[in-house]
N, C-alpha and C. Protein backbone atom coordinates (compact mmCIF):
# COMPACT_ATOMS: atom_id res chain seq x y z
N MET A 1 -24.65 -7.39 26.57
CA MET A 1 -23.60 -7.04 26.25
C MET A 1 -22.70 -8.44 25.83
N SER A 2 -22.02 -8.65 24.70
CA SER A 2 -21.52 -9.83 24.04
C SER A 2 -20.19 -9.84 23.95
N GLU A 3 -19.09 -10.64 24.49
CA GLU A 3 -17.66 -10.32 23.91
C GLU A 3 -17.62 -10.61 22.54
N HIS A 4 -18.19 -11.75 22.06
CA HIS A 4 -17.70 -11.72 20.59
C HIS A 4 -19.39 -11.87 19.82
N GLN A 5 -19.39 -10.90 19.00
CA GLN A 5 -20.45 -10.77 18.04
C GLN A 5 -20.45 -11.65 17.03
N ALA A 6 -21.61 -12.21 16.45
CA ALA A 6 -21.48 -13.11 15.38
C ALA A 6 -21.00 -12.42 14.14
N GLN A 7 -20.41 -12.93 13.24
CA GLN A 7 -20.08 -12.51 11.78
C GLN A 7 -21.36 -12.00 11.07
N PRO A 8 -21.68 -10.95 10.41
CA PRO A 8 -22.40 -10.61 9.75
C PRO A 8 -22.71 -11.30 8.73
N GLU A 9 -23.82 -11.57 7.98
CA GLU A 9 -24.08 -12.57 6.79
C GLU A 9 -23.33 -12.27 5.47
N ASN A 10 -23.20 -10.75 5.46
CA ASN A 10 -22.48 -10.34 4.26
C ASN A 10 -20.74 -10.43 4.06
N ALA A 11 -20.49 -10.90 5.23
CA ALA A 11 -18.60 -11.25 5.41
C ALA A 11 -18.60 -12.12 4.33
N ASN A 12 -17.71 -11.90 3.09
CA ASN A 12 -17.58 -12.86 2.07
C ASN A 12 -16.59 -12.58 1.50
N LEU A 13 -15.13 -12.54 2.19
CA LEU A 13 -13.85 -12.58 1.97
C LEU A 13 -13.50 -14.10 2.47
N GLU A 14 -14.30 -15.12 1.93
CA GLU A 14 -14.17 -16.24 2.66
C GLU A 14 -12.82 -17.23 2.07
N ALA A 15 -12.41 -18.23 2.56
CA ALA A 15 -11.28 -18.99 2.16
C ALA A 15 -11.56 -19.57 1.03
N GLU A 16 -12.78 -20.02 0.76
CA GLU A 16 -13.04 -20.71 -0.44
C GLU A 16 -12.99 -19.95 -1.90
N THR A 17 -12.90 -18.48 -1.60
CA THR A 17 -12.57 -17.57 -2.74
C THR A 17 -11.17 -17.30 -2.74
N TYR A 18 -10.15 -17.86 -1.70
CA TYR A 18 -8.87 -17.43 -1.80
C TYR A 18 -8.48 -17.75 -3.56
N GLU A 19 -7.71 -16.51 -3.76
CA GLU A 19 -6.94 -16.84 -5.13
C GLU A 19 -5.72 -16.25 -4.84
N PRO A 20 -4.68 -16.88 -4.44
CA PRO A 20 -3.23 -16.09 -3.82
C PRO A 20 -2.58 -15.56 -4.96
N PRO A 21 -1.87 -14.59 -4.40
CA PRO A 21 -0.79 -13.98 -5.32
C PRO A 21 0.31 -15.01 -5.71
N GLU A 22 1.01 -14.65 -6.71
CA GLU A 22 2.34 -15.79 -6.96
C GLU A 22 3.10 -15.98 -5.60
N VAL A 23 3.18 -17.25 -5.31
CA VAL A 23 4.04 -17.70 -4.18
C VAL A 23 5.32 -16.92 -4.09
N THR A 24 5.96 -17.10 -5.41
CA THR A 24 7.33 -16.53 -5.48
C THR A 24 7.58 -15.12 -5.11
N ASP A 25 6.27 -14.30 -5.27
CA ASP A 25 6.55 -12.71 -4.55
C ASP A 25 6.73 -13.13 -2.97
N TYR A 26 6.08 -14.08 -2.37
CA TYR A 26 6.27 -14.49 -1.21
C TYR A 26 7.62 -14.36 -0.88
N GLY A 27 8.44 -15.21 -1.52
CA GLY A 27 9.81 -15.26 -1.46
C GLY A 27 10.52 -14.63 -1.59
N ARG A 28 10.26 -13.43 -2.38
CA ARG A 28 11.05 -12.12 -2.42
C ARG A 28 10.97 -11.36 -1.19
N LEU A 29 9.72 -11.44 -0.80
CA LEU A 29 9.33 -10.57 0.64
C LEU A 29 10.06 -10.95 1.81
N VAL A 30 10.32 -12.40 1.98
CA VAL A 30 11.10 -13.44 2.79
C VAL A 30 12.77 -12.96 2.33
N GLU A 31 13.05 -12.60 1.61
CA GLU A 31 14.66 -12.43 1.23
C GLU A 31 14.89 -11.25 1.62
N LEU A 32 13.89 -10.00 1.31
CA LEU A 32 14.00 -8.62 1.72
C LEU A 32 14.06 -8.56 3.11
N THR A 33 13.39 -9.46 3.92
CA THR A 33 13.21 -9.09 5.23
C THR A 33 14.20 -9.83 6.07
N LEU A 34 14.92 -10.60 5.14
CA LEU A 34 16.39 -11.36 5.87
C LEU A 34 17.46 -10.33 6.21
N SER A 35 17.57 -9.39 5.61
CA SER A 35 18.53 -8.39 5.67
C SER A 35 18.35 -7.78 7.03
N GLY A 36 19.64 -7.53 7.94
CA GLY A 36 19.35 -6.92 9.03
C GLY A 36 19.59 -7.90 10.22
N ASN A 37 19.76 -7.42 11.34
CA ASN A 37 19.82 -8.31 12.66
C ASN A 37 18.74 -7.77 13.64
N THR A 38 17.25 -8.27 13.25
CA THR A 38 16.27 -7.63 14.15
C THR A 38 15.59 -9.01 14.27
N ALA A 39 14.41 -8.65 15.00
CA ALA A 39 13.29 -10.09 15.24
C ALA A 39 12.79 -10.57 13.93
N LEU A 40 12.45 -9.36 13.00
CA LEU A 40 11.99 -9.48 12.03
C LEU A 40 12.83 -10.22 11.09
N SER A 41 14.06 -10.42 10.82
CA SER A 41 15.21 -10.88 10.16
C SER A 41 15.15 -12.55 10.53
N ASP A 42 14.85 -12.69 12.10
CA ASP A 42 14.73 -14.11 12.66
C ASP A 42 13.86 -14.71 12.11
N ALA A 43 12.49 -13.99 12.27
CA ALA A 43 11.19 -14.71 11.64
C ALA A 43 11.26 -15.16 10.09
N ALA A 44 11.92 -14.06 9.20
CA ALA A 44 12.04 -14.48 7.84
C ALA A 44 13.05 -15.68 7.93
N GLY A 45 14.10 -15.91 8.49
CA GLY A 45 15.07 -17.02 8.42
C GLY A 45 14.42 -18.22 8.84
N GLU A 46 13.44 -18.29 9.44
CA GLU A 46 12.51 -19.37 10.10
C GLU A 46 11.67 -19.47 8.70
N ALA A 47 11.22 -18.33 8.06
CA ALA A 47 10.16 -19.02 6.76
C ALA A 47 11.03 -19.37 5.90
N ALA A 48 12.42 -18.92 5.75
CA ALA A 48 13.06 -18.98 4.37
C ALA A 48 13.49 -20.66 4.72
N SER A 49 13.40 -21.58 5.78
CA SER A 49 13.97 -22.86 5.80
C SER A 49 12.64 -23.36 5.65
N LEU A 50 11.34 -23.00 5.25
CA LEU A 50 10.34 -23.96 4.92
C LEU A 50 10.13 -24.22 3.17
N SER A 51 9.47 -25.28 3.12
CA SER A 51 9.07 -25.63 1.71
C SER A 51 8.18 -24.80 1.08
N VAL A 52 8.09 -24.52 -0.02
CA VAL A 52 7.02 -23.68 -0.85
C VAL A 52 5.75 -24.44 -0.29
N ASP A 53 5.30 -25.49 -0.14
CA ASP A 53 4.19 -26.06 0.01
C ASP A 53 3.71 -25.61 1.52
N LEU A 54 4.57 -25.79 2.45
CA LEU A 54 4.56 -24.88 3.62
C LEU A 54 4.27 -23.60 3.57
N TRP A 55 4.93 -22.67 2.93
CA TRP A 55 4.68 -21.28 2.42
C TRP A 55 2.81 -21.12 2.23
N ILE A 56 2.54 -22.04 1.20
CA ILE A 56 0.89 -21.87 0.99
C ILE A 56 0.21 -22.07 2.05
N GLU A 57 0.61 -22.99 2.84
CA GLU A 57 -0.06 -23.65 4.07
C GLU A 57 -0.31 -22.39 4.83
N GLU A 58 0.65 -21.69 5.06
CA GLU A 58 0.70 -20.61 6.19
C GLU A 58 -0.06 -19.44 5.70
N LEU A 59 0.21 -19.23 4.28
CA LEU A 59 -0.52 -18.06 3.52
C LEU A 59 -2.21 -18.40 3.53
N GLU A 60 -2.54 -19.76 3.45
CA GLU A 60 -3.92 -19.92 3.41
C GLU A 60 -4.70 -19.94 4.90
N GLU A 61 -3.38 -20.52 5.72
CA GLU A 61 -4.18 -20.33 7.29
C GLU A 61 -4.34 -18.96 7.87
N TYR A 62 -3.51 -17.90 7.37
CA TYR A 62 -3.43 -16.74 7.72
C TYR A 62 -4.85 -16.02 6.78
N TRP A 63 -5.28 -16.19 5.83
CA TRP A 63 -6.16 -16.06 5.19
C TRP A 63 -7.80 -16.17 5.82
N ARG A 64 -7.65 -17.59 6.41
CA ARG A 64 -8.65 -17.93 7.00
C ARG A 64 -9.03 -17.35 8.31
N HIS A 65 -7.66 -17.09 9.09
CA HIS A 65 -7.83 -16.59 10.57
C HIS A 65 -7.11 -15.15 10.83
N GLY A 66 -6.47 -14.48 10.06
CA GLY A 66 -5.99 -13.45 10.19
C GLY A 66 -6.87 -12.25 10.51
N GLY A 67 -6.67 -11.48 11.79
CA GLY A 67 -7.00 -10.37 11.97
C GLY A 67 -8.30 -10.79 13.11
N ILE A 68 -8.48 -11.91 13.26
CA ILE A 68 -9.35 -12.52 14.60
C ILE A 68 -8.94 -12.08 15.93
N ASP A 69 -7.63 -12.89 15.87
CA ASP A 69 -7.02 -12.38 17.38
C ASP A 69 -5.65 -12.36 17.30
N ASP A 70 -4.96 -11.72 17.89
CA ASP A 70 -3.44 -11.92 17.96
C ASP A 70 -2.90 -13.04 18.26
N PRO A 71 -1.80 -13.43 17.45
CA PRO A 71 -1.17 -14.78 18.38
C PRO A 71 -0.71 -14.48 19.53
N PRO A 72 -0.65 -15.75 20.51
CA PRO A 72 -0.25 -15.49 21.77
C PRO A 72 1.39 -15.06 21.95
N ASN A 73 2.36 -14.92 21.03
CA ASN A 73 3.46 -14.21 21.15
C ASN A 73 3.67 -13.29 20.51
N GLY A 74 2.76 -12.45 20.19
CA GLY A 74 2.88 -10.88 19.63
C GLY A 74 2.50 -11.38 17.87
N SER A 75 2.85 -10.37 17.22
CA SER A 75 2.49 -10.20 16.07
C SER A 75 3.78 -10.73 14.92
N PHE A 76 4.90 -10.93 15.57
CA PHE A 76 5.94 -10.96 14.38
C PHE A 76 5.90 -12.40 14.03
N ALA A 77 5.10 -13.32 14.68
CA ALA A 77 4.93 -14.98 14.10
C ALA A 77 3.95 -14.43 12.79
N GLN A 78 3.27 -13.35 12.85
CA GLN A 78 2.13 -13.36 11.33
C GLN A 78 3.05 -12.26 10.60
N PHE A 79 3.85 -11.74 11.01
CA PHE A 79 4.27 -10.27 10.28
C PHE A 79 4.58 -10.60 8.79
N LEU A 80 4.94 -11.76 8.21
CA LEU A 80 5.57 -12.11 6.88
C LEU A 80 3.81 -12.27 6.01
N PRO A 81 3.47 -13.22 6.49
CA PRO A 81 1.90 -13.36 5.79
C PRO A 81 1.04 -12.39 6.05
N ARG A 82 1.00 -11.49 7.13
CA ARG A 82 0.12 -10.45 6.87
C ARG A 82 0.74 -9.02 6.01
N ALA A 83 1.66 -9.05 6.14
CA ALA A 83 2.53 -7.88 4.91
C ALA A 83 2.17 -8.43 3.75
N PHE A 84 2.36 -9.64 3.41
CA PHE A 84 1.97 -10.23 2.05
C PHE A 84 0.55 -9.94 1.79
N LEU A 85 -0.31 -10.44 2.62
CA LEU A 85 -1.93 -10.78 2.43
C LEU A 85 -2.65 -9.18 2.28
N GLN A 86 -2.20 -8.63 3.13
CA GLN A 86 -3.00 -7.39 3.57
C GLN A 86 -3.32 -6.29 2.35
N PRO A 87 -2.54 -6.20 1.40
CA PRO A 87 -2.62 -5.33 0.33
C PRO A 87 -3.79 -6.32 -0.74
N TYR A 88 -3.70 -7.68 -0.64
CA TYR A 88 -4.54 -8.21 -1.45
C TYR A 88 -5.80 -8.32 -1.07
N ALA A 89 -5.99 -8.57 0.43
CA ALA A 89 -7.27 -8.48 1.22
C ALA A 89 -7.84 -7.09 0.95
N GLU A 90 -7.21 -5.97 0.99
CA GLU A 90 -8.02 -4.70 0.88
C GLU A 90 -8.33 -4.48 -0.48
N PHE A 91 -7.47 -5.24 -1.35
CA PHE A 91 -7.90 -4.91 -3.02
C PHE A 91 -9.30 -6.01 -3.03
N ARG A 92 -9.43 -6.90 -2.57
CA ARG A 92 -10.58 -7.88 -2.67
C ARG A 92 -11.94 -7.14 -1.94
N ALA A 93 -11.62 -6.36 -0.76
CA ALA A 93 -12.48 -5.85 -0.20
C ALA A 93 -13.10 -4.47 -0.66
N GLY A 94 -12.19 -3.92 -1.70
CA GLY A 94 -12.81 -2.73 -2.66
C GLY A 94 -13.62 -3.28 -3.82
N ARG A 95 -13.36 -4.28 -4.16
CA ARG A 95 -14.34 -4.99 -5.14
C ARG A 95 -15.45 -6.06 -4.61
N THR A 96 -15.64 -5.83 -3.20
CA THR A 96 -16.79 -6.55 -2.44
C THR A 96 -18.07 -5.59 -2.26
N GLU A 97 -19.43 -6.09 -2.66
CA GLU A 97 -20.41 -5.17 -2.60
C GLU A 97 -20.70 -4.97 -0.97
N ARG A 98 -20.72 -3.87 -0.70
CA ARG A 98 -21.24 -3.48 0.89
C ARG A 98 -22.65 -3.21 1.06
N ALA A 99 -23.22 -4.12 2.10
CA ALA A 99 -24.46 -4.22 2.44
C ALA A 99 -24.68 -2.94 3.48
N LEU A 100 -25.69 -2.48 3.50
CA LEU A 100 -26.16 -1.26 4.61
C LEU A 100 -26.15 -1.91 5.97
N LEU A 101 -25.43 -1.41 6.92
CA LEU A 101 -25.57 -1.93 8.20
C LEU A 101 -26.65 -1.48 9.03
N GLU A 102 -27.42 -2.03 9.60
CA GLU A 102 -28.28 -1.86 10.40
C GLU A 102 -28.22 -1.59 11.97
N THR A 103 -27.07 -2.19 12.41
CA THR A 103 -26.97 -2.22 13.81
C THR A 103 -25.15 -1.89 13.71
N THR A 104 -24.89 -1.53 14.86
CA THR A 104 -23.46 -1.28 15.17
C THR A 104 -22.97 -2.88 15.48
N VAL A 105 -21.95 -3.14 14.49
CA VAL A 105 -21.11 -4.48 14.43
C VAL A 105 -19.63 -4.19 14.78
N ASN A 106 -18.93 -4.58 15.89
CA ASN A 106 -17.78 -4.59 16.45
C ASN A 106 -16.63 -5.47 15.46
N LEU A 107 -17.33 -6.22 14.46
CA LEU A 107 -16.41 -7.02 13.65
C LEU A 107 -16.59 -6.58 12.03
N CYS A 108 -15.54 -6.62 11.31
CA CYS A 108 -15.74 -6.08 9.92
C CYS A 108 -16.87 -6.89 9.34
N PRO A 109 -17.73 -5.86 8.73
CA PRO A 109 -18.92 -6.26 7.98
C PRO A 109 -18.26 -7.14 6.55
N LEU A 110 -16.96 -7.09 6.24
CA LEU A 110 -16.78 -7.83 4.91
C LEU A 110 -16.26 -9.24 5.30
N CYS A 111 -15.20 -9.27 6.38
CA CYS A 111 -14.48 -10.39 6.29
C CYS A 111 -14.62 -10.58 7.78
N GLY A 112 -15.23 -10.22 8.85
CA GLY A 112 -15.43 -10.79 10.16
C GLY A 112 -14.23 -10.54 10.92
N ALA A 113 -13.27 -10.00 10.66
CA ALA A 113 -11.88 -9.40 11.38
C ALA A 113 -12.13 -8.66 12.46
N ARG A 114 -11.54 -8.32 13.44
CA ARG A 114 -11.43 -7.33 14.34
C ARG A 114 -10.95 -6.04 13.80
N PRO A 115 -11.31 -4.94 14.63
CA PRO A 115 -10.69 -3.42 14.13
C PRO A 115 -9.30 -3.44 14.84
N LEU A 116 -8.50 -2.76 14.07
CA LEU A 116 -7.39 -2.39 14.24
C LEU A 116 -7.08 -1.08 14.97
N LEU A 117 -7.95 -0.12 14.25
CA LEU A 117 -8.13 1.39 14.56
C LEU A 117 -9.39 1.93 14.64
N GLY A 118 -9.27 2.92 15.31
CA GLY A 118 -10.55 3.72 15.11
C GLY A 118 -10.11 4.87 14.47
N VAL A 119 -10.92 5.79 13.86
CA VAL A 119 -10.72 6.83 13.08
C VAL A 119 -11.78 8.03 13.20
N LEU A 120 -11.35 9.11 13.65
CA LEU A 120 -12.61 10.39 13.98
C LEU A 120 -12.46 11.18 12.60
N ARG A 121 -13.44 11.21 12.09
CA ARG A 121 -13.45 11.81 10.67
C ARG A 121 -14.31 13.25 10.78
N PRO A 122 -14.03 14.44 10.47
CA PRO A 122 -14.69 15.42 10.72
C PRO A 122 -16.24 15.43 10.10
N GLU A 123 -17.21 15.86 10.91
CA GLU A 123 -18.45 16.12 10.50
C GLU A 123 -19.29 17.14 10.87
N GLY A 124 -19.89 17.84 10.45
CA GLY A 124 -20.47 19.06 10.86
C GLY A 124 -19.32 19.99 11.83
N GLU A 125 -19.75 20.16 13.29
CA GLU A 125 -18.88 20.57 14.37
C GLU A 125 -18.05 19.67 15.23
N GLY A 126 -18.33 18.34 14.84
CA GLY A 126 -17.61 17.15 15.83
C GLY A 126 -17.15 16.19 14.46
N GLY A 127 -17.16 15.01 15.16
CA GLY A 127 -16.54 13.90 14.28
C GLY A 127 -17.17 12.83 14.27
N LYS A 128 -17.18 12.18 13.51
CA LYS A 128 -18.01 10.88 13.16
C LYS A 128 -16.98 9.62 13.32
N ARG A 129 -17.12 8.56 14.20
CA ARG A 129 -16.25 7.44 14.36
C ARG A 129 -16.39 6.21 13.43
N PHE A 130 -15.36 5.94 13.27
CA PHE A 130 -15.39 4.73 12.19
C PHE A 130 -14.21 3.90 12.75
N LEU A 131 -14.55 2.53 12.24
CA LEU A 131 -13.50 1.41 12.62
C LEU A 131 -12.64 0.90 11.32
N LEU A 132 -11.27 0.63 11.66
CA LEU A 132 -10.48 0.12 10.46
C LEU A 132 -10.39 -0.96 10.66
N CYS A 133 -10.83 -2.18 9.54
CA CYS A 133 -10.32 -3.55 9.78
C CYS A 133 -9.03 -3.84 9.76
N ALA A 134 -8.62 -4.80 10.68
CA ALA A 134 -7.13 -5.29 10.93
C ALA A 134 -6.76 -6.18 9.81
N PHE A 135 -7.64 -6.74 8.87
CA PHE A 135 -7.11 -7.94 7.93
C PHE A 135 -7.39 -7.20 6.73
N CYS A 136 -8.70 -6.52 6.31
CA CYS A 136 -8.65 -6.02 4.76
C CYS A 136 -8.75 -4.65 4.61
N SER A 137 -8.28 -3.95 5.74
CA SER A 137 -8.47 -2.38 5.77
C SER A 137 -9.74 -1.83 5.45
N HIS A 138 -11.03 -2.38 5.44
CA HIS A 138 -12.15 -1.86 5.26
C HIS A 138 -12.66 -0.96 6.63
N GLU A 139 -13.27 0.10 6.29
CA GLU A 139 -13.82 1.26 7.30
C GLU A 139 -15.06 1.02 7.36
N TRP A 140 -15.59 1.12 8.77
CA TRP A 140 -16.98 1.24 8.75
C TRP A 140 -17.63 2.20 9.84
N GLU A 141 -18.55 2.37 9.59
CA GLU A 141 -19.25 3.65 10.87
C GLU A 141 -19.29 2.84 12.19
N PHE A 142 -19.28 3.35 13.18
CA PHE A 142 -19.43 2.91 14.50
C PHE A 142 -20.01 3.88 15.47
N ARG A 143 -20.67 3.81 16.58
CA ARG A 143 -21.27 4.48 17.56
C ARG A 143 -19.83 5.28 18.37
N ARG A 144 -20.17 6.29 18.99
CA ARG A 144 -19.13 6.98 19.64
C ARG A 144 -19.17 6.45 21.19
N ILE A 145 -19.92 6.28 21.75
CA ILE A 145 -19.99 5.78 23.17
C ILE A 145 -20.36 4.33 23.20
N TYR A 146 -19.47 3.37 22.75
CA TYR A 146 -19.46 2.25 22.63
C TYR A 146 -18.13 1.28 22.71
N CYS A 147 -18.05 0.42 23.43
CA CYS A 147 -16.63 -0.56 23.28
C CYS A 147 -16.58 -1.23 22.11
N ALA A 148 -15.57 -1.20 21.42
CA ALA A 148 -15.47 -1.94 19.80
C ALA A 148 -15.06 -3.58 20.48
N TYR A 149 -14.92 -3.95 21.61
CA TYR A 149 -14.70 -5.19 21.70
C TYR A 149 -16.08 -5.88 22.39
N CYS A 150 -16.46 -5.36 23.54
CA CYS A 150 -17.56 -6.15 24.34
C CYS A 150 -18.90 -5.39 24.17
N GLY A 151 -19.05 -4.30 23.40
CA GLY A 151 -20.23 -3.62 23.37
C GLY A 151 -20.57 -3.01 24.59
N GLU A 152 -19.81 -2.42 25.74
CA GLU A 152 -20.31 -1.72 26.84
C GLU A 152 -20.65 -0.21 26.43
N THR A 153 -21.75 0.34 26.90
CA THR A 153 -22.17 1.53 26.48
C THR A 153 -22.31 2.44 27.70
N ARG A 154 -21.81 2.18 28.60
CA ARG A 154 -22.00 2.90 30.09
C ARG A 154 -20.54 4.11 29.88
N GLU A 155 -20.85 5.03 29.81
CA GLU A 155 -19.76 6.26 29.54
C GLU A 155 -18.83 6.21 30.64
N GLU A 156 -19.25 6.21 31.90
CA GLU A 156 -17.78 6.13 33.00
C GLU A 156 -17.42 4.63 32.97
N SER A 157 -17.61 3.89 32.28
CA SER A 157 -16.67 2.67 31.95
C SER A 157 -15.89 2.63 30.84
N LEU A 158 -15.90 3.82 30.29
CA LEU A 158 -15.30 3.93 28.69
C LEU A 158 -14.17 5.29 28.90
N PRO A 159 -13.22 5.32 29.76
CA PRO A 159 -12.17 6.31 29.75
C PRO A 159 -11.54 6.45 28.35
N VAL A 160 -11.30 7.65 28.05
CA VAL A 160 -10.27 8.13 26.95
C VAL A 160 -9.12 8.77 27.45
N PHE A 161 -8.04 8.40 27.12
CA PHE A 161 -6.78 9.13 27.49
C PHE A 161 -5.86 9.56 26.15
N VAL A 162 -5.51 10.60 26.42
CA VAL A 162 -4.83 11.44 25.28
C VAL A 162 -3.31 11.76 25.74
N ALA A 163 -2.31 11.20 25.52
CA ALA A 163 -0.78 11.64 25.54
C ALA A 163 -0.58 12.95 25.11
N GLU A 164 0.31 13.89 26.02
CA GLU A 164 0.81 15.11 25.09
C GLU A 164 1.37 14.95 24.03
N LYS A 165 2.44 13.89 24.04
CA LYS A 165 3.05 13.74 22.72
C LYS A 165 2.40 13.51 21.66
N PHE A 166 1.17 12.59 21.47
CA PHE A 166 0.33 12.68 20.50
C PHE A 166 -1.08 13.05 20.66
N PRO A 167 -1.39 14.06 20.80
CA PRO A 167 -2.49 14.91 20.87
C PRO A 167 -3.54 14.51 20.03
N HIS A 168 -3.34 14.01 18.69
CA HIS A 168 -4.34 13.46 17.79
C HIS A 168 -4.81 12.01 17.96
N ILE A 169 -4.10 11.32 18.89
CA ILE A 169 -4.12 9.83 19.09
C ILE A 169 -4.89 9.61 20.36
N ARG A 170 -6.15 8.92 20.57
CA ARG A 170 -7.05 8.83 21.62
C ARG A 170 -6.62 7.19 22.15
N VAL A 171 -6.53 6.87 23.18
CA VAL A 171 -6.59 5.56 23.58
C VAL A 171 -8.09 5.35 24.31
N GLU A 172 -9.01 4.67 23.80
CA GLU A 172 -10.36 4.25 23.86
C GLU A 172 -10.31 3.18 24.83
N ALA A 173 -10.45 3.10 25.97
CA ALA A 173 -10.50 2.00 26.90
C ALA A 173 -11.78 1.54 27.58
N CYS A 174 -11.74 0.28 27.84
CA CYS A 174 -13.09 -0.37 28.36
C CYS A 174 -12.67 -0.86 29.79
N ASP A 175 -13.25 -0.36 30.83
CA ASP A 175 -12.84 -0.78 32.26
C ASP A 175 -13.58 -2.02 32.43
N THR A 176 -14.86 -2.82 31.46
CA THR A 176 -15.40 -3.80 31.66
C THR A 176 -14.91 -4.95 31.22
N CYS A 177 -14.29 -4.96 30.24
CA CYS A 177 -13.57 -6.08 29.30
C CYS A 177 -11.94 -5.74 29.50
N ARG A 178 -11.46 -4.53 29.74
CA ARG A 178 -10.07 -4.21 29.99
C ARG A 178 -9.27 -4.43 28.50
N HIS A 179 -10.21 -4.11 27.75
CA HIS A 179 -9.57 -3.79 26.20
C HIS A 179 -9.55 -2.18 25.85
N CYS A 180 -8.70 -1.96 24.85
CA CYS A 180 -8.82 -0.54 24.37
C CYS A 180 -8.50 -0.57 22.78
N ILE A 181 -8.67 0.54 22.24
CA ILE A 181 -8.21 0.46 21.00
C ILE A 181 -7.60 2.09 20.70
N ARG A 182 -6.77 2.20 19.72
CA ARG A 182 -6.48 3.66 19.61
C ARG A 182 -7.25 4.19 18.46
N THR A 183 -7.53 5.42 18.64
CA THR A 183 -8.05 6.17 17.35
C THR A 183 -7.65 7.62 16.93
N VAL A 184 -7.30 7.43 15.78
CA VAL A 184 -6.55 8.90 15.37
C VAL A 184 -7.57 9.70 14.80
N ASP A 185 -7.58 11.09 15.50
CA ASP A 185 -8.58 11.92 15.47
C ASP A 185 -8.12 13.11 14.12
N LEU A 186 -8.77 12.90 13.06
CA LEU A 186 -8.53 13.77 12.18
C LEU A 186 -9.32 15.12 12.24
N THR A 187 -10.06 15.33 13.43
CA THR A 187 -10.57 16.54 13.66
C THR A 187 -9.39 17.61 14.10
N ARG A 188 -8.36 16.89 14.76
CA ARG A 188 -7.43 17.39 15.58
C ARG A 188 -6.07 17.55 14.63
N ASP A 189 -5.99 16.58 13.62
CA ASP A 189 -4.88 16.64 12.67
C ASP A 189 -5.30 15.93 11.23
N GLY A 190 -5.78 16.88 10.43
CA GLY A 190 -6.25 16.27 9.34
C GLY A 190 -5.16 15.77 8.17
N ASN A 191 -4.10 15.75 8.67
CA ASN A 191 -2.83 15.41 7.78
C ASN A 191 -2.42 14.24 8.03
N ALA A 192 -3.00 13.70 9.34
CA ALA A 192 -2.55 12.50 9.71
C ALA A 192 -2.96 11.32 9.05
N VAL A 193 -1.96 10.37 8.93
CA VAL A 193 -2.30 8.95 8.00
C VAL A 193 -2.44 7.99 9.17
N PRO A 194 -3.81 7.30 9.21
CA PRO A 194 -4.20 6.71 10.57
C PRO A 194 -3.19 5.74 10.84
N VAL A 195 -3.02 4.46 9.88
CA VAL A 195 -2.06 3.66 9.89
C VAL A 195 -0.58 3.79 10.29
N VAL A 196 -0.02 4.91 9.58
CA VAL A 196 1.41 5.32 9.79
C VAL A 196 1.50 5.72 11.14
N ASP A 197 0.78 6.66 11.84
CA ASP A 197 0.62 7.40 12.82
C ASP A 197 0.45 6.25 14.09
N ASP A 198 -0.36 5.30 13.75
CA ASP A 198 -0.37 4.21 14.53
C ASP A 198 0.86 3.59 14.90
N LEU A 199 1.71 3.24 13.87
CA LEU A 199 2.98 2.83 14.08
C LEU A 199 4.01 3.29 14.81
N ALA A 200 3.88 4.69 14.85
CA ALA A 200 4.62 5.45 15.37
C ALA A 200 4.57 5.83 16.91
N ALA A 201 3.19 5.23 17.23
CA ALA A 201 2.85 5.93 18.65
C ALA A 201 3.15 4.54 19.85
N ILE A 202 4.40 3.73 19.43
CA ILE A 202 4.83 2.81 20.42
C ILE A 202 4.48 2.83 21.97
N PRO A 203 4.77 4.41 22.24
CA PRO A 203 4.61 4.38 23.74
C PRO A 203 3.10 4.37 24.54
N LEU A 204 2.33 4.66 23.54
CA LEU A 204 0.80 4.50 23.87
C LEU A 204 0.42 2.87 24.37
N GLY A 205 1.36 2.16 23.56
CA GLY A 205 0.90 0.55 23.79
C GLY A 205 1.73 0.28 25.03
N LEU A 206 2.91 0.65 25.41
CA LEU A 206 3.61 0.41 26.86
C LEU A 206 2.69 0.79 27.69
N TRP A 207 2.23 2.12 27.64
CA TRP A 207 1.37 2.63 28.52
C TRP A 207 0.13 1.97 29.09
N ALA A 208 -0.49 1.37 27.87
CA ALA A 208 -1.72 0.60 27.97
C ALA A 208 -1.48 -0.67 28.73
N GLU A 209 -0.71 -1.38 28.59
CA GLU A 209 -0.22 -2.35 28.93
C GLU A 209 0.21 -2.15 30.43
N GLU A 210 0.96 -0.99 30.92
CA GLU A 210 1.20 -0.85 32.25
C GLU A 210 -0.18 -0.64 33.19
N TYR A 211 -0.89 -0.25 32.59
CA TYR A 211 -2.49 0.05 33.20
C TYR A 211 -3.52 -0.93 33.06
N GLY A 212 -2.91 -2.14 32.33
CA GLY A 212 -3.90 -3.43 32.35
C GLY A 212 -4.84 -3.55 31.11
N TYR A 213 -4.66 -2.68 30.09
CA TYR A 213 -5.58 -2.68 29.14
C TYR A 213 -4.84 -3.53 27.85
N GLN A 214 -5.70 -4.56 27.11
CA GLN A 214 -5.08 -5.34 26.12
C GLN A 214 -5.66 -4.31 24.87
N ARG A 215 -4.96 -4.49 23.96
CA ARG A 215 -5.28 -3.99 22.45
C ARG A 215 -6.18 -4.93 22.06
N ILE A 216 -7.17 -4.41 21.03
CA ILE A 216 -8.11 -5.30 20.39
C ILE A 216 -7.35 -6.25 19.80
N HIS A 217 -6.46 -5.35 18.87
CA HIS A 217 -5.73 -6.20 17.69
C HIS A 217 -4.36 -5.35 17.33
N GLY A 218 -3.39 -5.91 17.46
CA GLY A 218 -2.04 -5.34 17.27
C GLY A 218 -1.84 -4.86 15.79
N ASN A 219 -1.25 -3.93 15.54
CA ASN A 219 -0.62 -3.59 13.90
C ASN A 219 0.47 -4.41 13.59
N LEU A 220 1.19 -3.86 12.55
CA LEU A 220 1.91 -4.80 11.81
C LEU A 220 3.08 -5.22 12.61
N LEU A 221 3.46 -4.21 13.48
CA LEU A 221 4.86 -4.54 14.49
C LEU A 221 4.40 -4.87 15.81
N GLY A 222 3.02 -5.44 16.01
CA GLY A 222 2.70 -5.83 17.49
C GLY A 222 2.79 -4.71 18.69
N THR A 223 2.58 -3.48 18.20
CA THR A 223 2.84 -2.48 19.43
C THR A 223 1.37 -1.99 19.42
């Protein structure tokens, strides 16, 4: 088992190919986020005090390293560049040639970022597991009994928890590396929207922290 798997060779959303959206649009996002008295508006206030050159530097930094690991102070520090660049990364991923995966990889085969979510999609009488990239939103097939962080395969070390309030969202944990990932089970609720339902499942994050599990990568709100 390896905690950090090498980035696949076909991961080609590289910094060298970064062609940023108009930075003036980033300024508009900052202005919109300033309204209100929240942690997000505080982060926007800090961003508003920076020069355009520093905005560009911040966006380029996120493009190189976003989705790899959460910042130490949670995700609010990355909220603005992440919210701004994620649609662009998803657009670029949709135009990138996909190579056939011969092995299970726990990093996105397009950009090398960590998974945000698991998704169980109906297939036959059961469900097939996919991972959703935290950076470019690419989805790739993944083994069912397999830790998405360290590669643990022993079923007894991979407990699955389901809360009564969220019967279609599984917390898939690993007792070896103490990481976990939320998986939206579309076999139980075919109308669920994985990214949206994940944002609504804040209590699951609190529960995981209480029992000593760290999420592989947080969502846009850091939950």
